[in-house]
Each structure stands twice: as structure tokens, then as C-alpha cells.
């Protein structure tokens, strides 16, 4: 511990940069974080609350397998096609992507557009498939 304190004393600039970087990472994740549910909670939302599944993957990936009743709106076109979701404003929305990493940005966009009760599914379709939940294939 004494060596740690001595290191910080000798390298104030380096230690300060480390603290600033750590705080920036924490703030970024706090601002970018969206409410998330796992696949099992997603099934509950769909069955009990009538949640609308918004699949933000590309059309090709969507056609290879998607959740039953899902609406495909690729992330790149989400802002232009937001009007398609307006008829479902009163229902909860579940945003799904391939791995669960891009869906947070889509949730934020939908919340900015005035949609409430929007959550992302952790793990995306990969986690859904890993749990052997069914997919609709064309």
C-alpha cells in the first residue's frame, strides 16, 4: 500500500489521467444504459403485456430467424421509420438485436421520440437461440 501511495505521489499526472478516464467510462455507460430484460422476461412481456418486438437487425439476418410477431426496422433506418411504431405507443416495446449491444442506442432513440416502456433484451437473438427459444424462419 505504501508503494501505491508513493507511486501516485511521484506520478500525479498519470494517476489523475487514470481517474478521469475511469470517471468518463462510468459516466458514458450510465448515460448509454437502457433498461434491459433477459429472454425469459421478454417472453413474459410478450405473452402477458402484449409487448411489441422491434428487431433492429438487417433484413437478411431477420429472414434467417426472428421472434414471432417481430417488426423489422433496421437500426440505420429507425429514425426514418419511427412513425410505424406510433400506432403501438400504448404497448411496451422490446428491442432486439444480434448480440444485445446495439439495442441500447435504439431504446434511447425510441425514448427520445416519446415512446414509453421501451426495454432491450440482453444477449439479443444469440441468447434467445442459446436458450432454445423458437424462431420463425422464412
N, C-alpha and C. Protein backbone atom coordinates (compact mmCIF):
# COMPACT_ATOMS: atom_id res chain seq x y z
N UNK A 1 0.83 -1.19 0.00
CA UNK A 1 0.00 0.00 0.00
C UNK A 1 0.87 1.25 0.00
N UNK A 2 1.95 1.20 0.74
CA UNK A 2 2.85 2.35 0.81
C UNK A 2 3.46 2.63 -0.57
N UNK A 3 3.76 1.57 -1.30
CA UNK A 3 4.33 1.75 -2.64
C UNK A 3 3.30 2.37 -3.59
N UNK A 4 2.05 1.99 -3.41
CA UNK A 4 0.98 2.54 -4.24
C UNK A 4 0.85 4.04 -4.00
N UNK A 5 0.85 4.45 -2.76
CA UNK A 5 0.75 5.87 -2.41
C UNK A 5 1.98 6.62 -2.94
N UNK A 6 3.15 6.01 -2.81
CA UNK A 6 4.38 6.63 -3.31
C UNK A 6 4.32 6.79 -4.84
N UNK A 7 3.80 5.76 -5.53
CA UNK A 7 3.67 5.83 -6.99
C UNK A 7 2.76 6.98 -7.39
N UNK A 8 1.63 7.11 -6.71
CA UNK A 8 0.69 8.19 -7.01
C UNK A 8 1.35 9.55 -6.75
N UNK A 9 2.09 9.64 -5.66
CA UNK A 9 2.79 10.89 -5.34
C UNK A 9 3.83 11.26 -6.39
N UNK A 10 4.49 10.26 -6.93
CA UNK A 10 5.53 10.51 -7.94
C UNK A 10 4.96 10.73 -9.33
N UNK A 11 3.76 10.25 -9.58
CA UNK A 11 3.16 10.32 -10.92
C UNK A 11 1.74 10.89 -10.85
N UNK A 12 1.64 12.11 -10.37
CA UNK A 12 0.33 12.74 -10.19
C UNK A 12 -0.43 12.88 -11.50
N UNK A 13 0.25 13.26 -12.56
CA UNK A 13 -0.41 13.43 -13.85
C UNK A 13 -0.96 12.10 -14.36
N UNK A 14 -0.17 11.06 -14.28
CA UNK A 14 -0.61 9.73 -14.73
C UNK A 14 -1.79 9.23 -13.90
N UNK A 15 -1.71 9.38 -12.59
CA UNK A 15 -2.80 8.94 -11.71
C UNK A 15 -4.06 9.77 -11.97
N UNK A 16 -3.90 11.07 -12.19
CA UNK A 16 -5.06 11.93 -12.49
C UNK A 16 -5.73 11.55 -13.79
N UNK A 17 -4.91 11.23 -14.80
CA UNK A 17 -5.47 10.81 -16.09
C UNK A 17 -6.22 9.50 -15.94
N UNK A 18 -5.73 8.60 -15.11
CA UNK A 18 -6.40 7.32 -14.89
C UNK A 18 -7.76 7.54 -14.23
N UNK A 19 -7.81 8.42 -13.25
CA UNK A 19 -9.07 8.71 -12.55
C UNK A 19 -10.07 9.36 -13.51
N UNK A 20 -9.62 10.31 -14.32
CA UNK A 20 -10.50 10.97 -15.27
C UNK A 20 -11.04 9.97 -16.29
N UNK A 21 -10.18 9.09 -16.78
CA UNK A 21 -10.61 8.06 -17.74
C UNK A 21 -11.64 7.14 -17.12
N UNK A 22 -11.41 6.71 -15.92
CA UNK A 22 -12.36 5.84 -15.22
C UNK A 22 -13.71 6.53 -15.04
N UNK A 23 -13.71 7.78 -14.64
CA UNK A 23 -14.96 8.52 -14.48
C UNK A 23 -15.68 8.70 -15.81
N UNK A 24 -14.91 8.96 -16.88
CA UNK A 24 -15.53 9.12 -18.20
C UNK A 24 -16.21 7.83 -18.64
N UNK A 25 -15.58 6.69 -18.39
CA UNK A 25 -16.18 5.40 -18.74
C UNK A 25 -17.46 5.16 -17.94
N UNK A 26 -17.43 5.46 -16.67
CA UNK A 26 -18.60 5.27 -15.82
C UNK A 26 -19.75 6.17 -16.27
N UNK A 27 -19.46 7.43 -16.56
CA UNK A 27 -20.50 8.36 -17.00
C UNK A 27 -21.07 7.93 -18.34
N UNK A 28 -20.20 7.51 -19.26
CA UNK A 28 -20.67 7.07 -20.58
C UNK A 28 -21.63 5.89 -20.45
N UNK A 29 -21.26 4.90 -19.66
CA UNK A 29 -22.12 3.73 -19.51
C UNK A 29 -23.41 4.07 -18.77
N UNK A 30 -23.36 5.00 -17.85
CA UNK A 30 -24.58 5.38 -17.14
C UNK A 30 -25.54 6.10 -18.07
N UNK A 31 -25.03 6.92 -18.98
CA UNK A 31 -25.89 7.65 -19.91
C UNK A 31 -26.40 6.77 -21.03
N UNK A 32 -25.58 5.79 -21.46
CA UNK A 32 -25.95 4.93 -22.59
C UNK A 32 -26.77 3.72 -22.16
N UNK A 33 -26.81 3.47 -20.88
CA UNK A 33 -27.51 2.28 -20.40
C UNK A 33 -29.02 2.42 -20.60
N UNK A 34 -29.62 1.32 -20.97
CA UNK A 34 -31.07 1.28 -21.15
C UNK A 34 -31.60 0.15 -20.29
N UNK A 35 -32.87 0.23 -19.96
CA UNK A 35 -33.49 -0.85 -19.20
C UNK A 35 -33.38 -2.14 -20.01
N UNK A 36 -33.06 -3.23 -19.33
CA UNK A 36 -32.84 -4.49 -20.04
C UNK A 36 -33.56 -5.63 -19.33
N UNK A 37 -33.98 -6.60 -20.14
CA UNK A 37 -34.58 -7.82 -19.61
C UNK A 37 -33.92 -9.01 -20.31
N UNK A 38 -33.94 -10.14 -19.65
CA UNK A 38 -33.42 -11.36 -20.25
C UNK A 38 -34.47 -12.01 -21.14
N UNK A 39 -34.09 -13.08 -21.84
CA UNK A 39 -35.05 -13.75 -22.72
C UNK A 39 -36.30 -14.26 -22.01
N UNK A 40 -36.15 -14.75 -20.80
CA UNK A 40 -37.32 -15.27 -20.08
C UNK A 40 -38.30 -14.14 -19.74
N UNK A 41 -37.76 -12.99 -19.29
CA UNK A 41 -38.63 -11.86 -19.00
C UNK A 41 -39.24 -11.32 -20.29
N UNK A 42 -38.51 -11.44 -21.40
CA UNK A 42 -39.04 -10.99 -22.69
C UNK A 42 -40.26 -11.82 -23.07
N UNK A 43 -40.20 -13.12 -22.86
CA UNK A 43 -41.34 -13.99 -23.16
C UNK A 43 -42.54 -13.57 -22.31
N UNK A 44 -42.29 -13.27 -21.05
CA UNK A 44 -43.36 -12.83 -20.16
C UNK A 44 -43.97 -11.52 -20.64
N UNK A 45 -43.12 -10.58 -21.07
CA UNK A 45 -43.63 -9.31 -21.59
C UNK A 45 -44.49 -9.52 -22.83
N UNK A 46 -44.04 -10.40 -23.71
CA UNK A 46 -44.78 -10.65 -24.95
C UNK A 46 -46.12 -11.31 -24.65
N UNK A 47 -46.11 -12.33 -23.80
CA UNK A 47 -47.33 -13.09 -23.53
C UNK A 47 -48.32 -12.38 -22.62
N UNK A 48 -47.85 -11.72 -21.58
CA UNK A 48 -48.76 -11.12 -20.60
C UNK A 48 -49.09 -9.66 -20.87
N UNK A 49 -48.10 -8.92 -21.42
CA UNK A 49 -48.31 -7.49 -21.60
C UNK A 49 -48.54 -7.10 -23.06
N UNK A 50 -48.42 -8.06 -23.96
CA UNK A 50 -48.60 -7.77 -25.38
C UNK A 50 -47.52 -6.90 -25.96
N UNK A 51 -46.29 -7.08 -25.49
CA UNK A 51 -45.17 -6.26 -25.95
C UNK A 51 -44.93 -6.43 -27.44
N UNK A 52 -44.55 -5.36 -28.08
CA UNK A 52 -44.19 -5.36 -29.50
C UNK A 52 -42.69 -5.60 -29.58
N UNK A 53 -42.27 -6.59 -30.35
CA UNK A 53 -40.85 -6.88 -30.52
C UNK A 53 -40.36 -6.10 -31.73
N UNK A 54 -39.36 -5.26 -31.52
CA UNK A 54 -38.75 -4.47 -32.59
C UNK A 54 -37.36 -5.04 -32.83
N UNK A 55 -37.20 -5.71 -33.97
CA UNK A 55 -35.92 -6.34 -34.33
C UNK A 55 -35.14 -5.35 -35.19
N UNK A 56 -33.98 -4.91 -34.71
CA UNK A 56 -33.22 -3.87 -35.40
C UNK A 56 -32.10 -4.43 -36.27
N UNK A 57 -32.11 -5.72 -36.51
CA UNK A 57 -31.10 -6.32 -37.39
C UNK A 57 -31.44 -6.04 -38.85
N UNK A 58 -30.47 -6.26 -39.71
CA UNK A 58 -30.71 -6.10 -41.15
C UNK A 58 -31.72 -7.13 -41.62
N UNK A 59 -32.34 -6.86 -42.75
CA UNK A 59 -33.39 -7.73 -43.29
C UNK A 59 -32.89 -9.16 -43.52
N UNK A 60 -31.66 -9.30 -44.01
CA UNK A 60 -31.11 -10.62 -44.29
C UNK A 60 -31.02 -11.46 -43.00
N UNK A 61 -30.51 -10.86 -41.93
CA UNK A 61 -30.43 -11.56 -40.65
C UNK A 61 -31.82 -11.85 -40.09
N UNK A 62 -32.72 -10.90 -40.26
CA UNK A 62 -34.10 -11.06 -39.79
C UNK A 62 -34.76 -12.26 -40.47
N UNK A 63 -34.55 -12.40 -41.78
CA UNK A 63 -35.16 -13.50 -42.53
C UNK A 63 -34.58 -14.86 -42.14
N UNK A 64 -33.36 -14.88 -41.61
CA UNK A 64 -32.74 -16.14 -41.19
C UNK A 64 -33.36 -16.67 -39.90
N UNK A 65 -34.03 -15.82 -39.17
CA UNK A 65 -34.71 -16.25 -37.95
C UNK A 65 -35.03 -15.08 -37.06
N UNK A 66 -36.31 -14.97 -36.65
CA UNK A 66 -36.74 -13.87 -35.79
C UNK A 66 -37.82 -14.35 -34.83
N UNK A 67 -38.08 -13.56 -33.83
CA UNK A 67 -39.11 -13.85 -32.84
C UNK A 67 -40.47 -13.67 -33.50
N UNK A 68 -41.40 -14.54 -33.20
CA UNK A 68 -42.74 -14.48 -33.79
C UNK A 68 -43.39 -13.13 -33.53
N UNK A 69 -43.91 -12.53 -34.59
CA UNK A 69 -44.60 -11.26 -34.48
C UNK A 69 -43.69 -10.05 -34.45
N UNK A 70 -42.39 -10.24 -34.63
CA UNK A 70 -41.45 -9.13 -34.56
C UNK A 70 -41.60 -8.20 -35.75
N UNK A 71 -41.36 -6.92 -35.50
CA UNK A 71 -41.36 -5.90 -36.54
C UNK A 71 -39.90 -5.61 -36.87
N UNK A 72 -39.52 -5.71 -38.15
CA UNK A 72 -38.14 -5.47 -38.54
C UNK A 72 -37.95 -4.03 -38.99
N UNK A 73 -37.19 -3.28 -38.19
CA UNK A 73 -36.80 -1.92 -38.54
C UNK A 73 -35.29 -1.83 -38.28
N UNK A 74 -34.47 -1.92 -39.34
CA UNK A 74 -33.01 -1.86 -39.13
C UNK A 74 -32.60 -0.60 -38.39
N UNK A 75 -31.57 -0.71 -37.57
CA UNK A 75 -31.12 0.41 -36.75
C UNK A 75 -30.80 1.64 -37.60
N UNK A 76 -30.22 1.44 -38.77
CA UNK A 76 -29.86 2.56 -39.64
C UNK A 76 -31.09 3.33 -40.12
N UNK A 77 -32.25 2.69 -40.16
CA UNK A 77 -33.46 3.34 -40.66
C UNK A 77 -34.48 3.63 -39.55
N UNK A 78 -34.08 3.45 -38.31
CA UNK A 78 -35.02 3.57 -37.20
C UNK A 78 -35.65 4.96 -37.12
N UNK A 79 -34.85 5.99 -37.23
CA UNK A 79 -35.40 7.35 -37.09
C UNK A 79 -36.37 7.69 -38.22
N UNK A 80 -36.08 7.20 -39.43
CA UNK A 80 -36.97 7.48 -40.56
C UNK A 80 -38.27 6.69 -40.45
N UNK A 81 -38.22 5.52 -39.84
CA UNK A 81 -39.39 4.65 -39.78
C UNK A 81 -40.07 4.65 -38.40
N UNK A 82 -39.73 5.62 -37.57
CA UNK A 82 -40.30 5.69 -36.22
C UNK A 82 -41.82 5.81 -36.25
N UNK A 83 -42.38 6.40 -37.30
CA UNK A 83 -43.83 6.57 -37.40
C UNK A 83 -44.56 5.23 -37.41
N UNK A 84 -43.90 4.18 -37.88
CA UNK A 84 -44.53 2.85 -37.90
C UNK A 84 -44.84 2.36 -36.49
N UNK A 85 -44.10 2.84 -35.53
CA UNK A 85 -44.30 2.40 -34.14
C UNK A 85 -45.32 3.26 -33.38
N UNK A 86 -45.71 4.37 -33.97
CA UNK A 86 -46.64 5.27 -33.28
C UNK A 86 -47.99 4.62 -33.00
N UNK A 87 -48.42 3.69 -33.84
CA UNK A 87 -49.70 3.04 -33.59
C UNK A 87 -49.65 2.08 -32.39
N UNK A 88 -48.42 1.81 -31.91
CA UNK A 88 -48.24 0.93 -30.75
C UNK A 88 -47.72 1.71 -29.54
N UNK A 89 -48.00 2.99 -29.46
CA UNK A 89 -47.46 3.81 -28.37
C UNK A 89 -47.87 3.31 -26.98
N UNK A 90 -49.06 2.76 -26.87
CA UNK A 90 -49.56 2.35 -25.55
C UNK A 90 -49.02 1.00 -25.10
N UNK A 91 -48.37 0.26 -25.99
CA UNK A 91 -47.85 -1.07 -25.64
C UNK A 91 -46.36 -1.00 -25.32
N UNK A 92 -45.90 -1.89 -24.44
CA UNK A 92 -44.46 -1.94 -24.18
C UNK A 92 -43.73 -2.45 -25.42
N UNK A 93 -42.49 -2.01 -25.57
CA UNK A 93 -41.69 -2.41 -26.72
C UNK A 93 -40.42 -3.09 -26.26
N UNK A 94 -40.08 -4.17 -26.94
CA UNK A 94 -38.89 -4.95 -26.65
C UNK A 94 -37.97 -4.86 -27.86
N UNK A 95 -36.80 -4.26 -27.69
CA UNK A 95 -35.86 -4.07 -28.79
C UNK A 95 -34.85 -5.21 -28.78
N UNK A 96 -34.67 -5.83 -29.96
CA UNK A 96 -33.79 -7.00 -30.09
C UNK A 96 -32.79 -6.75 -31.21
N UNK A 97 -31.54 -7.11 -30.95
CA UNK A 97 -30.52 -7.07 -31.99
C UNK A 97 -29.80 -8.42 -32.00
N UNK A 98 -28.67 -8.51 -32.63
CA UNK A 98 -27.98 -9.79 -32.76
C UNK A 98 -27.36 -10.24 -31.43
N UNK A 99 -26.61 -9.35 -30.77
CA UNK A 99 -25.90 -9.72 -29.55
C UNK A 99 -26.32 -8.91 -28.32
N UNK A 100 -27.22 -7.97 -28.49
CA UNK A 100 -27.66 -7.15 -27.37
C UNK A 100 -26.83 -5.90 -27.18
N UNK A 101 -25.94 -5.59 -28.11
CA UNK A 101 -25.06 -4.43 -27.96
C UNK A 101 -25.60 -3.18 -28.64
N UNK A 102 -26.30 -3.32 -29.73
CA UNK A 102 -26.81 -2.16 -30.47
C UNK A 102 -28.19 -1.72 -30.00
N UNK A 103 -28.87 -2.57 -29.30
CA UNK A 103 -30.25 -2.26 -28.94
C UNK A 103 -30.37 -1.10 -27.95
N UNK A 104 -29.33 -0.83 -27.18
CA UNK A 104 -29.37 0.30 -26.24
C UNK A 104 -29.55 1.62 -26.96
N UNK A 105 -28.84 1.78 -28.09
CA UNK A 105 -28.97 3.01 -28.87
C UNK A 105 -30.38 3.15 -29.44
N UNK A 106 -30.96 2.04 -29.86
CA UNK A 106 -32.32 2.07 -30.40
C UNK A 106 -33.32 2.43 -29.31
N UNK A 107 -33.12 1.91 -28.11
CA UNK A 107 -34.01 2.24 -26.99
C UNK A 107 -33.97 3.73 -26.72
N UNK A 108 -32.76 4.30 -26.69
CA UNK A 108 -32.63 5.74 -26.44
C UNK A 108 -33.33 6.55 -27.52
N UNK A 109 -33.19 6.15 -28.78
CA UNK A 109 -33.85 6.86 -29.89
C UNK A 109 -35.36 6.80 -29.74
N UNK A 110 -35.87 5.64 -29.37
CA UNK A 110 -37.32 5.48 -29.22
C UNK A 110 -37.84 6.30 -28.04
N UNK A 111 -37.07 6.34 -26.95
CA UNK A 111 -37.49 7.14 -25.81
C UNK A 111 -37.48 8.63 -26.14
N UNK A 112 -36.49 9.07 -26.92
CA UNK A 112 -36.43 10.47 -27.34
C UNK A 112 -37.62 10.83 -28.23
N UNK A 113 -38.12 9.83 -28.98
CA UNK A 113 -39.27 10.06 -29.85
C UNK A 113 -40.60 10.02 -29.09
N UNK A 114 -40.54 9.78 -27.79
CA UNK A 114 -41.74 9.82 -26.97
C UNK A 114 -42.35 8.48 -26.61
N UNK A 115 -41.69 7.40 -26.96
CA UNK A 115 -42.21 6.07 -26.62
C UNK A 115 -41.84 5.75 -25.18
N UNK A 116 -42.79 5.19 -24.46
CA UNK A 116 -42.56 4.80 -23.08
C UNK A 116 -42.51 3.28 -22.98
N UNK A 117 -42.02 2.78 -21.89
CA UNK A 117 -41.93 1.34 -21.65
C UNK A 117 -41.15 0.64 -22.77
N UNK A 118 -39.94 1.11 -23.04
CA UNK A 118 -39.08 0.51 -24.06
C UNK A 118 -37.90 -0.12 -23.34
N UNK A 119 -37.67 -1.41 -23.59
CA UNK A 119 -36.55 -2.12 -22.98
C UNK A 119 -35.81 -2.91 -24.06
N UNK A 120 -34.56 -3.23 -23.76
CA UNK A 120 -33.79 -4.07 -24.68
C UNK A 120 -33.66 -5.46 -24.09
N UNK A 121 -33.41 -6.44 -24.97
CA UNK A 121 -33.21 -7.81 -24.50
C UNK A 121 -31.71 -8.09 -24.43
N UNK A 122 -31.23 -8.44 -23.25
CA UNK A 122 -29.82 -8.74 -23.10
C UNK A 122 -29.46 -10.00 -23.88
N UNK A 123 -28.32 -9.94 -24.52
CA UNK A 123 -27.86 -11.10 -25.28
C UNK A 123 -28.42 -11.19 -26.68
N UNK A 124 -29.47 -10.45 -26.97
CA UNK A 124 -30.06 -10.44 -28.30
C UNK A 124 -30.56 -11.80 -28.77
N UNK A 125 -30.64 -11.96 -30.08
CA UNK A 125 -31.12 -13.21 -30.67
C UNK A 125 -30.17 -14.35 -30.36
N UNK A 126 -28.90 -14.05 -30.17
CA UNK A 126 -27.94 -15.11 -29.83
C UNK A 126 -28.31 -15.78 -28.51
N UNK A 127 -28.65 -14.98 -27.52
CA UNK A 127 -29.06 -15.53 -26.23
C UNK A 127 -30.40 -16.25 -26.34
N UNK A 128 -31.30 -15.70 -27.13
CA UNK A 128 -32.61 -16.32 -27.37
C UNK A 128 -32.42 -17.72 -27.95
N UNK A 129 -31.54 -17.82 -28.95
CA UNK A 129 -31.26 -19.10 -29.60
C UNK A 129 -30.54 -20.06 -28.65
N UNK A 130 -29.62 -19.53 -27.84
CA UNK A 130 -28.88 -20.36 -26.89
C UNK A 130 -29.82 -21.02 -25.87
N UNK A 131 -30.90 -20.38 -25.58
CA UNK A 131 -31.88 -20.95 -24.63
C UNK A 131 -32.92 -21.82 -25.33
N UNK A 132 -32.72 -22.07 -26.61
CA UNK A 132 -33.60 -22.93 -27.42
C UNK A 132 -35.02 -22.40 -27.53
N UNK A 133 -35.18 -21.08 -27.52
CA UNK A 133 -36.49 -20.49 -27.75
C UNK A 133 -36.74 -20.49 -29.25
N UNK A 134 -38.01 -20.57 -29.67
CA UNK A 134 -38.30 -20.73 -31.11
C UNK A 134 -38.07 -19.45 -31.92
N UNK A 135 -37.69 -19.67 -33.17
CA UNK A 135 -37.55 -18.58 -34.14
C UNK A 135 -38.38 -18.90 -35.37
N UNK A 136 -38.87 -17.88 -36.01
CA UNK A 136 -39.61 -18.02 -37.26
C UNK A 136 -38.61 -17.80 -38.39
N UNK A 137 -38.54 -18.76 -39.32
CA UNK A 137 -37.61 -18.65 -40.45
C UNK A 137 -38.39 -18.63 -41.74
N UNK A 138 -37.90 -17.84 -42.69
CA UNK A 138 -38.56 -17.76 -44.00
C UNK A 138 -37.95 -18.74 -44.95
